[in-house]
Amino acid sequence: MQQIITAKLKLLTTPEQHQMLRQTQLAYRDALNFVSRYAFEHGKLSSDTRLRKETYYELRARYKLPAQMACNVPRQVAATYKGLWTKVKQNVAHRKAGHTKKRYKGLDGPPKYVSPTLTYNYGYDYTFKTEQQVSVSTLQGRITLLYQGYDPHIALIQHGARIGAAKLWYDKPRKQYYLLVSLELELPDPTPDTLPDVVGVDVGMRYLAVTATMTNDSSFYSGKRVRAKADHYARLRKRLQKKGTRSATRRMIAMSGRERRLKLQTNHTIAKSIVNAHPHTLIGIEDLTGIRERAKRRTRRRKKHGKGAVPVSPKARRANHHASKWAFAELHNMLAYKAILSGSLTIKVDAHYTSKACPLCGYTSDKNRPNKGLLFVCQNPHCGYALHADLVGARNIAMRTLLARQDWIRTGVLSVRPDVSSDEAKAARFARYAELRWSSDTSPS
């Protein structure tokens, strides 16, 4: 199994070397904007081959870029345009389906590159030397720099990891250069024997993550503190947007960085805690693909008689804001790569009805969540099972993960995400889920 990680190396530069790297970065950014304008003027090109053929010599002559950088520039611009064309096609489909009325405007003008981050190709633009030194290309030629970093990452660079491309990133507040190196690791393939346990992870806003094992162990990761902070940023952003001055815009940019780092650090901490608490485990997470489209969110309701609309309550508005703002996909991605590095593995299971189905009797109903609160009460008159709703969701996910592991043992094939190829496949899968029953005596063996 292959796993790609990023090593962040701090470059130790002299003032002269610092200036050389800065000039190279700015020239690379200017080249990106030049090729972006060229692609826009010639039909919004997204062909890497054509852009490279038509702009390569101009890049070499005008911006003095080395040969490999002059190839990286049109490749990066082509990738940007491909992404924008994909969004345009998705927007057209969503407008036809009635999901939105807004037209995507990402291709109304040439994309502008603001960040001076540039890409280095290993063996061409940069190479590692002995004694923690790295040689990188600049407009004036090669320079050799000392670097520092996380000791395990440095050990991987020096002994055995496959080194890929790198990005030269400049931390402007600290006036410090970093080299972000891609490392490809070869890890042993997991088997059912190496993953004897299972754990289910349910995500939400009141509790960002809740875990449950088949032996009744559970953990709660509260989101109260970060929710309050996110609400503070939302209120501040609203005031700044209303003000609309250049100073307010600069303030919003700085604030967005702090908010992004808050989410990143929180997700990193939660993922690391879950993985460290459950080594050599098959970790089940919810498949949240398309959750925004199929989830029922509160919207403005039209009056039956007369004109006007009933405004959404502040509580509903906050709920919609919370549901759309937290980076659950980032948390899942962190869980996935951290699990592989620690000898575990993550798979995706159905998110449908995980918090509405009783894990004890299988009865599924919206009424099992009174007022959509944190208390789950089974409405089956022969059951009456009551528990924390998020923990119920985590237990249902754990049981579905256990079912996937049993199929893995039986067939030798592990499905890392549910099959949605047909309605029949989904119906058969839900029928199997309805037969699952929670028991404290249940174990993966």
Protein backbone atom coordinates (compact mmCIF):
# COMPACT_ATOMS: atom_id res chain seq x y z
CA MET A 1 0.00 0.00 0.00
CA GLN A 2 1.28 3.44 -0.93
CA GLN A 3 0.80 6.50 1.25
CA ILE A 4 1.86 10.04 0.40
CA ILE A 5 2.81 12.49 3.15
CA THR A 6 4.27 16.00 3.10
CA ALA A 7 7.47 16.91 4.93
CA LYS A 8 7.78 20.56 5.90
CA LEU A 9 11.42 21.65 5.87
CA LYS A 10 12.59 25.00 7.20
CA LEU A 11 15.25 26.53 4.93
CA LEU A 12 18.12 28.45 6.53
CA THR A 13 19.05 31.25 4.14
CA THR A 14 21.46 34.17 4.03
CA PRO A 15 20.11 37.59 2.98
CA GLU A 16 21.50 37.06 -0.54
CA GLN A 17 19.94 33.60 -0.84
CA HIS A 18 16.65 34.94 0.54
CA GLN A 19 16.57 37.60 -2.19
CA MET A 20 17.37 35.05 -4.91
CA LEU A 21 14.50 32.80 -3.82
CA ARG A 22 12.14 35.76 -3.67
CA GLN A 23 12.99 36.86 -7.20
CA THR A 24 12.44 33.32 -8.47
CA GLN A 25 9.06 33.07 -6.76
CA LEU A 26 7.82 36.39 -8.14
CA ALA A 27 8.99 35.51 -11.66
CA TYR A 28 7.17 32.17 -11.42
CA ARG A 29 3.97 33.93 -10.30
CA ASP A 30 4.21 36.45 -13.14
CA ALA A 31 4.66 33.56 -15.57
CA LEU A 32 1.54 31.86 -14.20
CA ASN A 33 -0.52 35.00 -14.73
CA PHE A 34 0.90 35.44 -18.25
CA VAL A 35 -0.06 31.88 -19.26
CA SER A 36 -3.46 32.29 -17.55
CA ARG A 37 -4.23 35.36 -19.65
CA TYR A 38 -3.00 33.59 -22.79
CA ALA A 39 -5.23 30.57 -22.10
CA PHE A 40 -8.25 32.84 -21.51
CA GLU A 41 -7.69 34.83 -24.69
CA HIS A 42 -7.39 31.66 -26.79
CA GLY A 43 -10.63 29.99 -25.81
CA LYS A 44 -9.97 29.26 -22.12
CA LEU A 45 -7.56 26.46 -22.91
CA SER A 46 -7.15 23.56 -20.52
CA SER A 47 -4.73 21.51 -22.66
CA ASP A 48 -1.36 21.16 -20.96
CA THR A 49 0.31 20.08 -24.21
CA ARG A 50 -0.95 23.01 -26.26
CA LEU A 51 -0.18 25.62 -23.60
CA ARG A 52 3.34 24.29 -23.14
CA LYS A 53 3.94 24.21 -26.89
CA GLU A 54 2.72 27.79 -27.41
CA THR A 55 4.21 29.52 -24.34
CA TYR A 56 7.39 27.61 -23.43
CA TYR A 57 9.90 29.74 -25.35
CA GLU A 58 8.18 32.97 -24.30
CA LEU A 59 8.48 31.93 -20.65
CA ARG A 60 12.16 31.13 -21.04
CA ALA A 61 12.91 34.44 -22.78
CA ARG A 62 10.68 36.82 -20.83
CA TYR A 63 10.93 35.46 -17.27
CA LYS A 64 14.30 33.63 -17.45
CA LEU A 65 12.80 30.50 -15.93
CA PRO A 66 14.78 27.25 -15.94
CA ALA A 67 13.53 24.62 -18.39
CA GLN A 68 11.61 22.46 -15.92
CA MET A 69 9.88 25.44 -14.30
CA ALA A 70 8.87 26.66 -17.76
CA CYS A 71 7.16 23.26 -18.20
CA ASN A 72 5.52 23.37 -14.76
CA VAL A 73 3.85 26.74 -15.37
CA PRO A 74 1.53 25.72 -18.27
CA ARG A 75 0.88 22.40 -16.54
CA GLN A 76 -0.34 24.22 -13.41
CA VAL A 77 -2.46 26.68 -15.40
CA ALA A 78 -4.03 23.84 -17.42
CA ALA A 79 -4.95 22.06 -14.19
CA THR A 80 -6.61 25.26 -12.91
CA TYR A 81 -8.69 25.64 -16.06
CA LYS A 82 -9.71 21.97 -16.00
CA GLY A 83 -10.98 22.45 -12.46
CA LEU A 84 -12.91 25.56 -13.45
CA TRP A 85 -14.47 23.82 -16.47
CA THR A 86 -15.57 21.00 -14.18
CA LYS A 87 -17.27 23.50 -11.88
CA VAL A 88 -18.99 25.13 -14.85
CA LYS A 89 -20.41 21.78 -15.98
CA GLN A 90 -21.53 20.95 -12.46
CA ASN A 91 -23.21 24.34 -12.16
CA VAL A 92 -25.10 23.75 -15.41
CA ALA A 93 -26.32 20.39 -14.13
CA HIS A 94 -27.36 21.88 -10.78
CA ARG A 95 -29.25 24.70 -12.48
CA LYS A 96 -31.12 22.23 -14.65
CA ALA A 97 -31.99 20.15 -11.59
CA GLY A 98 -33.20 23.24 -9.74
CA HIS A 99 -30.61 23.10 -6.97
CA THR A 100 -29.47 26.66 -7.65
CA LYS A 101 -30.27 29.66 -9.83
CA LYS A 102 -26.83 31.24 -9.69
CA ARG A 103 -24.50 31.02 -12.67
CA TYR A 104 -20.90 30.06 -11.94
CA LYS A 105 -18.65 33.00 -12.84
CA GLY A 106 -15.23 31.44 -12.36
CA LEU A 107 -14.43 31.62 -16.08
CA ASP A 108 -15.73 35.14 -16.71
CA GLY A 109 -12.13 36.32 -16.50
CA PRO A 110 -8.64 34.81 -16.43
CA PRO A 111 -7.77 33.29 -13.04
CA LYS A 112 -5.26 35.47 -11.20
CA TYR A 113 -2.47 33.87 -9.18
CA VAL A 114 -1.63 35.77 -6.02
CA SER A 115 0.44 33.28 -4.03
CA PRO A 116 4.13 33.19 -5.08
CA THR A 117 4.45 29.50 -4.19
CA LEU A 118 6.34 27.62 -6.90
CA THR A 119 6.78 23.95 -7.77
CA TYR A 120 10.11 22.11 -7.88
CA ASN A 121 10.61 18.72 -9.57
CA TYR A 122 12.92 16.33 -7.74
CA GLY A 123 16.14 15.61 -9.62
CA TYR A 124 15.63 18.60 -11.93
CA ASP A 125 14.95 21.65 -9.76
CA TYR A 126 16.08 20.38 -6.37
CA THR A 127 18.12 17.53 -4.89
CA PHE A 128 19.10 16.52 -1.38
CA LYS A 129 22.72 16.41 -0.26
CA THR A 130 24.50 15.11 2.83
CA GLU A 131 24.50 16.86 6.22
CA GLN A 132 20.90 18.10 5.85
CA GLN A 133 21.51 20.23 2.80
CA VAL A 134 19.32 20.75 -0.25
CA SER A 135 20.22 22.23 -3.63
CA VAL A 136 17.46 24.30 -5.31
CA SER A 137 17.20 26.19 -8.59
CA THR A 138 16.89 29.98 -8.84
CA LEU A 139 17.00 32.47 -11.71
CA GLN A 140 20.71 32.93 -10.99
CA GLY A 141 21.49 29.21 -10.83
CA ARG A 142 21.70 26.56 -8.10
CA ILE A 143 22.14 27.38 -4.41
CA THR A 144 22.73 24.99 -1.50
CA LEU A 145 20.80 25.55 1.74
CA LEU A 146 20.72 23.95 5.16
CA TYR A 147 17.32 22.73 6.31
CA GLN A 148 15.57 21.68 9.54
CA GLY A 149 12.43 19.61 10.04
CA TYR A 150 10.56 16.89 11.89
CA ASP A 151 13.11 14.19 12.73
CA PRO A 152 11.01 11.22 11.44
CA HIS A 153 10.50 13.06 8.13
CA ILE A 154 14.21 13.79 7.82
CA ALA A 155 14.93 10.12 8.48
CA LEU A 156 12.50 9.11 5.71
CA ILE A 157 14.17 11.51 3.27
CA GLN A 158 17.61 10.12 4.06
CA HIS A 159 16.62 6.44 4.19
CA GLY A 160 14.19 4.91 1.77
CA ALA A 161 11.19 7.15 1.08
CA ARG A 162 10.41 7.92 -2.55
CA ILE A 163 10.77 11.67 -3.00
CA GLY A 164 8.41 13.54 -5.29
CA ALA A 165 7.76 17.16 -6.22
CA ALA A 166 8.11 19.98 -3.71
CA LYS A 167 6.68 23.45 -3.23
CA LEU A 168 8.72 26.47 -2.17
CA TRP A 169 6.45 28.34 0.24
CA TYR A 170 7.14 31.73 1.82
CA ASP A 171 5.74 32.52 5.27
CA LYS A 172 5.41 36.27 4.94
CA PRO A 173 4.73 37.18 8.61
CA ARG A 174 7.83 35.25 9.74
CA LYS A 175 9.85 36.05 6.60
CA GLN A 176 10.80 32.42 6.41
CA TYR A 177 11.07 29.97 3.50
CA TYR A 178 9.84 26.38 3.72
CA LEU A 179 10.19 23.47 1.32
CA LEU A 180 7.11 21.23 1.29
CA VAL A 181 8.36 17.86 0.04
CA SER A 182 6.07 15.04 -1.10
CA LEU A 183 7.13 11.61 0.22
CA GLU A 184 5.68 8.32 -0.99
CA LEU A 185 5.83 5.47 1.52
CA GLU A 186 5.45 1.77 0.87
CA LEU A 187 3.43 0.19 3.69
CA PRO A 188 2.31 -3.44 4.13
CA ASP A 189 -1.19 -4.22 2.87
CA PRO A 190 -3.71 -4.65 5.72
CA THR A 191 -5.49 -7.96 6.28
CA PRO A 192 -8.39 -8.95 8.58
CA ASP A 193 -5.83 -10.56 10.90
CA THR A 194 -3.89 -7.30 11.31
CA LEU A 195 -7.12 -5.35 12.00
CA PRO A 196 -8.90 -7.38 14.69
CA ASP A 197 -11.02 -4.53 16.09
CA VAL A 198 -13.53 -2.09 14.63
CA VAL A 199 -14.61 1.40 15.71
CA GLY A 200 -17.34 3.70 14.40
CA VAL A 201 -16.87 7.47 14.15
CA ASP A 202 -19.88 9.78 14.00
CA VAL A 203 -19.33 13.47 13.19
CA GLY A 204 -21.52 16.42 14.10
CA MET A 205 -21.48 19.97 15.41
CA ARG A 206 -22.41 19.59 19.08
CA TYR A 207 -19.78 16.88 19.28
CA LEU A 208 -17.34 17.08 16.39
CA ALA A 209 -16.67 13.34 16.71
CA VAL A 210 -18.05 10.46 18.76
CA THR A 211 -16.42 7.03 18.68
CA ALA A 212 -17.87 3.67 19.67
CA THR A 213 -16.33 0.21 19.77
CA MET A 214 -18.03 -3.17 19.88
CA THR A 215 -17.02 -3.52 23.55
CA ASN A 216 -19.09 -0.47 24.67
CA ASP A 217 -16.10 1.89 24.83
CA SER A 218 -16.84 5.41 23.62
CA SER A 219 -15.26 8.85 23.39
CA PHE A 220 -16.81 12.29 22.88
CA TYR A 221 -14.98 15.23 21.30
CA SER A 222 -16.92 18.37 22.11
CA GLY A 223 -17.32 21.17 19.59
CA LYS A 224 -18.65 23.77 22.02
CA ARG A 225 -15.47 25.85 22.20
CA VAL A 226 -14.79 25.93 18.47
CA ARG A 227 -18.46 26.55 17.70
CA ALA A 228 -18.37 29.65 19.88
CA LYS A 229 -15.20 30.79 18.12
CA ALA A 230 -16.70 30.10 14.68
CA ASP A 231 -19.82 32.08 15.65
CA HIS A 232 -17.56 34.96 16.68
CA TYR A 233 -15.84 34.90 13.29
CA ALA A 234 -19.23 34.79 11.53
CA ARG A 235 -20.48 37.87 13.40
CA LEU A 236 -17.25 39.73 12.75
CA ARG A 237 -17.29 38.80 9.07
CA LYS A 238 -20.86 40.07 8.74
CA ARG A 239 -19.90 43.45 10.17
CA LEU A 240 -16.81 43.72 7.98
CA GLN A 241 -18.72 42.79 4.82
CA LYS A 242 -21.30 45.45 5.64
CA LYS A 243 -18.55 48.02 6.08
CA GLY A 244 -16.96 47.16 2.72
CA THR A 245 -13.77 49.25 2.98
CA ARG A 246 -10.30 48.14 1.90
CA SER A 247 -9.24 47.94 5.51
CA ALA A 248 -12.24 45.71 6.26
CA THR A 249 -11.26 43.45 3.34
CA ARG A 250 -7.72 43.09 4.67
CA ARG A 251 -9.15 42.31 8.08
CA MET A 252 -11.41 39.60 6.62
CA ILE A 253 -8.45 37.99 4.82
CA ALA A 254 -6.45 37.82 8.05
CA MET A 255 -9.47 36.51 9.94
CA SER A 256 -10.14 33.80 7.35
CA GLY A 257 -6.62 32.51 7.87
CA ARG A 258 -7.13 32.28 11.62
CA GLU A 259 -10.45 30.50 11.16
CA ARG A 260 -8.91 28.02 8.71
CA ARG A 261 -6.02 27.30 11.10
CA LEU A 262 -8.47 26.84 13.99
CA LYS A 263 -10.37 24.16 12.05
CA LEU A 264 -7.16 22.54 10.82
CA GLN A 265 -5.68 22.30 14.32
CA THR A 266 -8.93 21.03 15.83
CA ASN A 267 -9.37 18.34 13.18
CA HIS A 268 -5.72 17.35 13.50
CA THR A 269 -6.02 16.96 17.27
CA ILE A 270 -9.22 14.90 17.04
CA ALA A 271 -7.89 12.63 14.28
CA LYS A 272 -4.63 12.04 16.12
CA SER A 273 -6.45 11.23 19.37
CA ILE A 274 -8.78 8.74 17.66
CA VAL A 275 -5.99 6.97 15.80
CA ASN A 276 -3.73 6.77 18.84
CA ALA A 277 -6.57 5.37 20.97
CA HIS A 278 -7.39 2.64 18.44
CA PRO A 279 -4.23 1.14 16.89
CA HIS A 280 -4.55 -1.71 14.37
CA THR A 281 -8.27 -1.07 13.95
CA LEU A 282 -10.72 -0.92 11.09
CA ILE A 283 -12.21 2.57 11.47
CA GLY A 284 -15.65 3.20 9.97
CA ILE A 285 -16.62 6.73 8.92
CA GLU A 286 -19.75 8.05 7.25
CA ASP A 287 -19.91 8.49 3.49
CA LEU A 288 -21.03 12.13 3.41
CA THR A 289 -20.89 12.53 -0.38
CA GLY A 290 -23.82 14.69 -1.47
CA ILE A 291 -24.97 15.28 2.12
CA ARG A 292 -25.67 18.98 1.46
CA GLU A 293 -28.03 18.17 -1.42
CA ARG A 294 -30.01 15.45 0.34
CA ALA A 295 -30.11 16.93 3.84
CA LYS A 296 -33.29 18.81 4.76
CA ARG A 297 -32.23 22.30 5.82
CA ARG A 298 -34.57 24.96 7.09
CA THR A 299 -35.36 27.64 4.51
CA ARG A 300 -37.66 30.61 4.25
CA ARG A 301 -41.30 29.54 4.05
CA ARG A 302 -43.82 31.32 1.85
CA LYS A 303 -47.15 32.26 3.32
CA LYS A 304 -50.13 30.33 2.00
CA HIS A 305 -52.27 33.45 1.79
CA GLY A 306 -50.91 36.80 0.78
CA LYS A 307 -47.43 37.95 -0.16
CA GLY A 308 -44.31 37.95 1.92
CA ALA A 309 -42.28 35.29 3.67
CA VAL A 310 -41.88 34.04 7.19
CA PRO A 311 -38.31 34.77 8.30
CA VAL A 312 -36.10 31.93 9.45
CA SER A 313 -35.55 31.84 13.18
CA PRO A 314 -32.07 32.74 14.49
CA LYS A 315 -31.69 29.20 15.82
CA ALA A 316 -32.37 27.68 12.39
CA ARG A 317 -30.04 30.16 10.73
CA ARG A 318 -27.21 29.23 13.13
CA ALA A 319 -27.89 25.53 12.52
CA ASN A 320 -27.61 26.01 8.76
CA HIS A 321 -24.43 28.03 9.19
CA HIS A 322 -22.84 25.38 11.40
CA ALA A 323 -23.81 22.53 9.08
CA SER A 324 -22.23 24.22 6.08
CA LYS A 325 -19.07 25.63 7.63
CA TRP A 326 -17.23 22.85 9.46
CA ALA A 327 -14.61 20.90 7.48
CA PHE A 328 -15.84 17.33 7.99
CA ALA A 329 -14.14 16.13 4.79
CA GLU A 330 -10.84 17.44 6.15
CA LEU A 331 -11.37 15.49 9.37
CA HIS A 332 -12.10 12.31 7.39
CA ASN A 333 -9.01 12.81 5.23
CA MET A 334 -6.83 13.29 8.30
CA LEU A 335 -8.27 10.16 9.86
CA ALA A 336 -7.57 8.22 6.67
CA TYR A 337 -3.89 9.07 6.28
CA LYS A 338 -3.06 9.00 10.01
CA ALA A 339 -4.74 5.60 10.33
CA ILE A 340 -2.60 4.10 7.56
CA LEU A 341 0.60 5.42 9.14
CA SER A 342 -0.34 3.84 12.48
CA GLY A 343 -1.28 0.44 11.02
CA SER A 344 -5.05 1.04 10.93
CA LEU A 345 -7.43 1.56 8.02
CA THR A 346 -10.55 3.67 7.40
CA ILE A 347 -13.54 2.67 5.28
CA LYS A 348 -16.74 4.53 4.44
CA VAL A 349 -20.17 3.18 5.31
CA ASP A 350 -23.68 4.47 4.66
CA ALA A 351 -24.63 7.57 6.60
CA HIS A 352 -28.36 6.99 6.01
CA TYR A 353 -30.42 6.68 9.22
CA THR A 354 -27.38 6.13 11.48
CA SER A 355 -28.88 8.45 14.10
CA LYS A 356 -32.52 7.40 13.53
CA ALA A 357 -32.21 3.59 13.64
CA CYS A 358 -32.34 1.81 16.98
CA PRO A 359 -29.18 -0.31 17.37
CA LEU A 360 -31.01 -2.67 19.75
CA CYS A 361 -34.16 -3.55 17.79
CA GLY A 362 -33.58 -1.99 14.34
CA TYR A 363 -36.68 0.24 14.40
CA THR A 364 -36.09 3.33 12.22
CA SER A 365 -38.12 6.52 12.50
CA ASP A 366 -37.68 10.29 12.64
CA LYS A 367 -39.63 10.22 15.90
CA ASN A 368 -36.74 8.38 17.56
CA ARG A 369 -35.09 11.82 17.84
CA PRO A 370 -37.61 13.97 19.79
CA ASN A 371 -37.28 17.58 18.62
CA LYS A 372 -34.06 16.52 16.83
CA GLY A 373 -32.28 16.75 20.16
CA LEU A 374 -29.37 14.87 21.68
CA LEU A 375 -31.57 12.19 23.25
CA PHE A 376 -32.46 9.09 21.25
CA VAL A 377 -35.61 7.30 22.41
CA CYS A 378 -36.78 4.27 20.43
CA GLN A 379 -40.51 4.56 19.71
CA ASN A 380 -40.93 0.81 19.30
CA PRO A 381 -43.38 -0.09 22.11
CA HIS A 382 -41.46 -3.30 22.76
CA CYS A 383 -38.07 -1.58 23.03
CA GLY A 384 -37.88 1.96 24.49
CA TYR A 385 -34.08 2.05 24.14
CA ALA A 386 -32.72 5.49 25.19
CA LEU A 387 -29.19 6.81 24.68
CA HIS A 388 -27.19 9.79 23.50
CA ALA A 389 -28.12 10.31 19.82
CA ASP A 390 -24.54 10.79 18.62
CA LEU A 391 -23.45 7.64 20.42
CA VAL A 392 -26.31 5.76 18.73
CA GLY A 393 -24.96 6.97 15.39
CA ALA A 394 -21.44 5.85 16.25
CA ARG A 395 -22.69 2.41 17.31
CA ASN A 396 -24.64 1.97 14.08
CA ILE A 397 -21.54 2.93 12.12
CA ALA A 398 -19.47 0.45 14.14
CA MET A 399 -21.92 -2.37 13.36
CA ARG A 400 -21.88 -1.54 9.66
CA THR A 401 -18.08 -1.50 9.78
CA LEU A 402 -18.11 -4.91 11.45
CA LEU A 403 -20.37 -6.18 8.68
CA ALA A 404 -17.90 -4.91 6.08
CA ARG A 405 -15.06 -6.68 7.91
CA GLN A 406 -17.00 -9.96 7.96
CA ASP A 407 -17.58 -9.62 4.19
CA TRP A 408 -13.84 -8.98 3.83
CA ILE A 409 -13.04 -12.23 5.65
CA ARG A 410 -15.59 -14.15 3.59
CA THR A 411 -14.77 -12.79 0.13
CA GLY A 412 -11.21 -11.55 0.52
CA VAL A 413 -12.21 -8.15 -0.91
CA LEU A 414 -12.65 -5.01 1.20
CA SER A 415 -15.05 -2.35 -0.04
CA VAL A 416 -13.75 1.00 1.18
CA ARG A 417 -17.02 2.78 0.29
CA PRO A 418 -20.65 1.64 -0.15
CA ASP A 419 -21.86 0.51 -3.57
CA VAL A 420 -24.27 3.06 -5.05
CA SER A 421 -24.33 1.67 -8.56
CA SER A 422 -28.03 0.76 -8.46
CA ASP A 423 -31.14 1.09 -6.33
CA GLU A 424 -31.23 -2.69 -5.95
CA ALA A 425 -27.76 -2.74 -4.43
CA LYS A 426 -28.69 0.00 -1.97
CA ALA A 427 -31.94 -1.73 -1.03
CA ALA A 428 -30.14 -5.02 -0.40
CA ARG A 429 -27.55 -3.24 1.71
CA PHE A 430 -30.18 -1.45 3.81
CA ALA A 431 -31.98 -4.76 4.33
CA ARG A 432 -28.79 -6.21 5.79
CA TYR A 433 -28.35 -3.15 8.02
CA ALA A 434 -31.89 -3.59 9.36
CA GLU A 435 -30.90 -7.02 10.66
CA LEU A 436 -28.00 -5.68 12.75
CA ARG A 437 -28.46 -5.74 16.53
CA TRP A 438 -26.23 -4.19 19.16
CA SER A 439 -24.97 -6.46 21.93
CA SER A 440 -22.33 -5.90 24.58
CA ASP A 441 -21.15 -9.46 23.89
CA THR A 442 -20.49 -8.73 20.23
CA SER A 443 -16.87 -8.99 19.17
CA PRO A 444 -15.12 -8.99 15.79
CA SER A 445 -14.03 -12.58 16.24
